[in-house]
Amino acid sequence: MSEELKVSSEQVKLLAKECEEFIFMIEIQKSEATEQKEIVDAEAVIIKREEIICLDLAATARADLEVVLPMIDAAVKALDALNKKDIAEVKSYGRPPMKIEKVMEAVLILLGKEPTWENAKKVLRKLVEEEYDFILKGGIILDKQGQAPNPAKWWISEQNWDNITELDKVPGFHGIIDSFETNFKSWNAWYATTFPEQEDLVAWGKVKHLWQQN
């Protein structure tokens, strides 16, 4: 009987020790869970703060957009209303209004020319109406069913391809679609150079058009 009690006592001690170890592990896990909860709660506070900032930025952007959109619509309508008479009027200025001068300075900078009014008049004299219209408005395509497919979507965006296909309709640029379709790798190599306006355009085997010349 005493032996049985001794064995039982040993088993009880073993079970008690295992129970203590189990309780200790539970306490550790509980502590880790508490720490994790504190981290999650802190991150939730940061996320909430950032959400408020983003909402404020979005509201500001919407407010700015509401101011800018009417200006853009008015600018588009003004461009659509341009005609040959307007172009002739701009050419006739000895000293243009400041807004016109600034626009032409931007055009000259894009063309790599010195931004002076004399140079602007030289460029305007060389432009035909279709070219002037294209520079101001770009390529706008309402019905794309008859548009040639983009041969290199991996680097020519949809908007840029619209511009290219419409440029093909401008005198002096007929055939540029065919050139892109057959030589798009050469076009891409030219486009990827640091100063493409200074490089020979091998892919386009025509002499530079008048308004591109110095």
Protein backbone atom coordinates (compact mmCIF):
# COMPACT_ATOMS: atom_id res chain seq x y z
CA MET A 1 0.00 0.00 0.00
CA SER A 2 2.82 2.38 0.89
CA GLU A 3 4.51 1.58 -2.42
CA GLU A 4 1.33 2.42 -4.31
CA LEU A 5 1.06 5.69 -2.42
CA LYS A 6 4.67 6.46 -3.17
CA VAL A 7 4.10 5.86 -6.89
CA SER A 8 0.95 7.95 -6.85
CA SER A 9 2.78 10.71 -5.03
CA GLU A 10 5.49 10.73 -7.68
CA GLN A 11 2.89 10.87 -10.44
CA VAL A 12 1.13 13.75 -8.73
CA LYS A 13 4.44 15.63 -8.45
CA LEU A 14 5.15 14.99 -12.14
CA LEU A 15 1.69 16.14 -13.17
CA ALA A 16 2.01 19.22 -10.95
CA LYS A 17 5.32 20.10 -12.57
CA GLU A 18 3.84 19.65 -16.06
CA CYS A 19 0.89 21.78 -15.03
CA GLU A 20 3.22 24.53 -13.79
CA GLU A 21 5.17 24.43 -17.06
CA PHE A 22 1.89 24.56 -19.00
CA ILE A 23 0.68 27.55 -16.97
CA PHE A 24 4.06 29.25 -17.52
CA MET A 25 3.76 28.76 -21.30
CA ILE A 26 0.22 30.13 -21.20
CA GLU A 27 1.48 33.24 -19.38
CA ILE A 28 4.22 33.74 -21.98
CA GLN A 29 1.74 33.39 -24.85
CA LYS A 30 -0.66 35.72 -23.08
CA SER A 31 2.11 38.29 -22.67
CA GLU A 32 3.08 37.96 -26.34
CA ALA A 33 -0.56 38.32 -27.38
CA THR A 34 -0.85 41.48 -25.26
CA GLU A 35 2.30 42.94 -26.86
CA GLN A 36 1.01 42.05 -30.33
CA LYS A 37 -2.34 43.68 -29.57
CA GLU A 38 -0.55 46.85 -28.45
CA ILE A 39 1.43 46.89 -31.73
CA VAL A 40 -1.75 46.34 -33.77
CA ASP A 41 -3.58 49.08 -31.85
CA ALA A 42 -0.67 51.49 -32.42
CA GLU A 43 -0.60 50.69 -36.14
CA ALA A 44 -4.37 51.17 -36.29
CA VAL A 45 -3.96 54.66 -34.83
CA ILE A 46 -1.28 55.49 -37.43
CA ILE A 47 -3.44 54.12 -40.26
CA LYS A 48 -6.43 56.14 -39.05
CA ARG A 49 -4.29 59.29 -38.91
CA GLU A 50 -2.98 58.65 -42.44
CA GLU A 51 -6.53 57.97 -43.64
CA ILE A 52 -7.62 61.38 -42.34
CA ILE A 53 -4.65 63.03 -44.10
CA CYS A 54 -5.48 61.22 -47.38
CA LEU A 55 -9.13 62.24 -47.16
CA ASP A 56 -8.08 65.86 -46.61
CA LEU A 57 -5.73 65.67 -49.62
CA ALA A 58 -8.47 64.10 -51.75
CA ALA A 59 -10.90 66.85 -50.76
CA THR A 60 -8.31 69.50 -51.61
CA ALA A 61 -7.58 67.82 -54.96
CA ARG A 62 -11.30 67.68 -55.80
CA ALA A 63 -11.68 71.35 -54.92
CA ASP A 64 -8.67 72.26 -57.09
CA LEU A 65 -10.03 70.13 -59.91
CA GLU A 66 -13.39 71.89 -59.78
CA VAL A 67 -11.52 75.17 -60.29
CA VAL A 68 -9.22 73.87 -63.05
CA LEU A 69 -11.71 71.85 -65.15
CA PRO A 70 -13.70 74.91 -66.34
CA MET A 71 -10.38 76.52 -67.33
CA ILE A 72 -9.41 73.41 -69.32
CA ASP A 73 -12.84 73.31 -71.01
CA ALA A 74 -12.52 76.99 -71.90
CA ALA A 75 -9.00 76.41 -73.27
CA VAL A 76 -10.17 73.48 -75.42
CA LYS A 77 -13.06 75.53 -76.79
CA ALA A 78 -10.67 78.38 -77.56
CA LEU A 79 -8.36 76.00 -79.42
CA ASP A 80 -11.27 74.55 -81.38
CA ALA A 81 -12.26 78.07 -82.41
CA LEU A 82 -8.82 78.94 -83.85
CA ASN A 83 -8.74 79.58 -87.59
CA LYS A 84 -6.39 80.85 -90.29
CA LYS A 85 -7.33 84.45 -89.56
CA ASP A 86 -6.23 84.04 -85.93
CA ILE A 87 -2.91 82.60 -87.02
CA ALA A 88 -2.36 85.52 -89.40
CA GLU A 89 -3.16 87.96 -86.60
CA VAL A 90 -0.54 86.38 -84.32
CA LYS A 91 2.04 86.61 -87.10
CA SER A 92 1.32 90.31 -87.57
CA TYR A 93 2.18 91.35 -84.02
CA GLY A 94 5.25 93.52 -83.65
CA ARG A 95 5.13 92.82 -79.95
CA PRO A 96 2.48 90.27 -78.90
CA PRO A 97 0.41 90.21 -75.70
CA MET A 98 2.32 88.58 -72.85
CA LYS A 99 0.21 85.37 -72.82
CA ILE A 100 0.80 84.76 -76.54
CA GLU A 101 4.49 85.50 -76.12
CA LYS A 102 4.76 82.98 -73.27
CA VAL A 103 2.99 80.28 -75.28
CA MET A 104 5.29 80.78 -78.26
CA GLU A 105 8.34 80.80 -75.98
CA ALA A 106 7.24 77.37 -74.71
CA VAL A 107 6.79 76.12 -78.30
CA LEU A 108 10.27 77.38 -79.26
CA ILE A 109 11.86 75.72 -76.22
CA LEU A 110 10.21 72.44 -77.22
CA LEU A 111 11.60 72.89 -80.73
CA GLY A 112 15.08 73.55 -79.32
CA LYS A 113 15.17 77.17 -80.52
CA GLU A 114 16.00 80.42 -78.73
CA PRO A 115 12.71 81.71 -77.28
CA THR A 116 12.50 85.12 -78.97
CA TRP A 117 9.55 86.67 -80.78
CA GLU A 118 11.56 86.96 -83.99
CA ASN A 119 12.16 83.21 -83.97
CA ALA A 120 8.49 82.66 -83.15
CA LYS A 121 7.43 84.63 -86.24
CA LYS A 122 9.85 82.62 -88.38
CA VAL A 123 8.32 79.37 -87.12
CA LEU A 124 4.78 80.66 -87.64
CA ARG A 125 5.57 81.72 -91.22
CA LYS A 126 6.70 78.18 -92.03
CA LEU A 127 3.66 76.47 -90.55
CA VAL A 128 0.74 75.47 -92.70
CA GLU A 129 -2.65 75.54 -91.01
CA GLU A 130 -2.81 71.75 -90.51
CA GLU A 131 0.57 71.74 -88.74
CA TYR A 132 -0.36 74.66 -86.50
CA ASP A 133 -3.63 72.97 -85.63
CA PHE A 134 -1.84 69.71 -84.81
CA ILE A 135 0.76 71.39 -82.55
CA LEU A 136 -1.96 73.12 -80.56
CA LYS A 137 -4.52 70.32 -80.36
CA GLY A 138 -2.58 67.10 -80.84
CA GLY A 139 -4.23 63.97 -82.19
CA ILE A 140 -7.88 63.71 -81.22
CA ILE A 141 -9.67 60.59 -82.49
CA LEU A 142 -13.37 60.17 -81.80
CA ASP A 143 -13.91 57.02 -83.88
CA LYS A 144 -11.05 54.53 -83.60
CA GLN A 145 -12.58 51.76 -85.71
CA GLY A 146 -10.56 52.76 -88.76
CA GLN A 147 -7.38 53.53 -86.82
CA ALA A 148 -4.25 51.53 -87.67
CA PRO A 149 -3.29 49.11 -84.86
CA ASN A 150 -0.50 50.13 -82.51
CA PRO A 151 2.58 48.06 -83.54
CA ALA A 152 4.44 48.52 -80.22
CA LYS A 153 2.07 48.86 -77.28
CA TRP A 154 4.94 48.04 -74.93
CA TRP A 155 6.34 51.58 -75.37
CA ILE A 156 3.85 53.61 -77.46
CA SER A 157 0.94 54.66 -75.25
CA GLU A 158 -2.60 54.88 -76.61
CA GLN A 159 -2.51 58.69 -76.53
CA ASN A 160 0.85 58.83 -78.32
CA TRP A 161 -0.40 56.43 -81.00
CA ASP A 162 -3.45 58.69 -81.49
CA ASN A 163 -1.04 61.58 -82.05
CA ILE A 164 1.06 59.57 -84.51
CA THR A 165 -1.91 58.36 -86.57
CA GLU A 166 -3.33 61.89 -86.75
CA LEU A 167 0.12 63.31 -87.62
CA ASP A 168 0.08 61.04 -90.68
CA LYS A 169 -2.71 63.26 -92.06
CA VAL A 170 -0.56 66.43 -91.83
CA PRO A 171 1.25 67.46 -95.07
CA GLY A 172 4.88 66.45 -94.87
CA PHE A 173 4.20 63.54 -92.52
CA HIS A 174 2.23 61.19 -94.77
CA GLY A 175 3.59 57.68 -94.35
CA ILE A 176 4.74 58.05 -90.76
CA ILE A 177 2.34 55.27 -89.70
CA ASP A 178 4.00 52.88 -92.16
CA SER A 179 7.39 53.96 -90.83
CA PHE A 180 6.38 53.11 -87.26
CA GLU A 181 4.90 49.79 -88.33
CA THR A 182 8.08 48.68 -90.12
CA ASN A 183 10.76 50.47 -88.04
CA PHE A 184 9.31 50.72 -84.53
CA LYS A 185 12.57 49.42 -82.99
CA SER A 186 14.55 52.21 -84.65
CA TRP A 187 11.97 54.74 -83.50
CA ASN A 188 12.24 53.39 -79.96
CA ALA A 189 16.05 53.63 -80.04
CA TRP A 190 15.78 57.27 -81.19
CA TYR A 191 13.14 58.03 -78.55
CA ALA A 192 15.31 56.53 -75.78
CA THR A 193 18.28 58.83 -76.47
CA THR A 194 18.98 61.66 -74.02
CA PHE A 195 18.43 64.41 -76.61
CA PRO A 196 16.36 62.87 -79.43
CA GLU A 197 15.80 66.27 -81.07
CA GLN A 198 19.56 66.42 -81.73
CA GLU A 199 19.85 62.90 -83.18
CA ASP A 200 19.48 61.84 -86.82
CA LEU A 201 16.09 60.21 -87.27
CA VAL A 202 17.12 57.20 -89.34
CA ALA A 203 13.70 55.53 -89.06
CA TRP A 204 12.01 58.49 -90.79
CA GLY A 205 13.76 58.61 -94.13
CA LYS A 206 12.52 62.09 -95.09
CA VAL A 207 14.17 65.47 -94.83
CA LYS A 208 13.13 67.38 -91.70
CA HIS A 209 10.03 69.42 -92.34
CA LEU A 210 10.29 73.21 -92.60
CA TRP A 211 9.10 74.01 -89.10
CA GLN A 212 11.68 71.61 -87.67
CA GLN A 213 14.61 73.33 -89.35
CA ASN A 214 16.78 75.96 -87.68
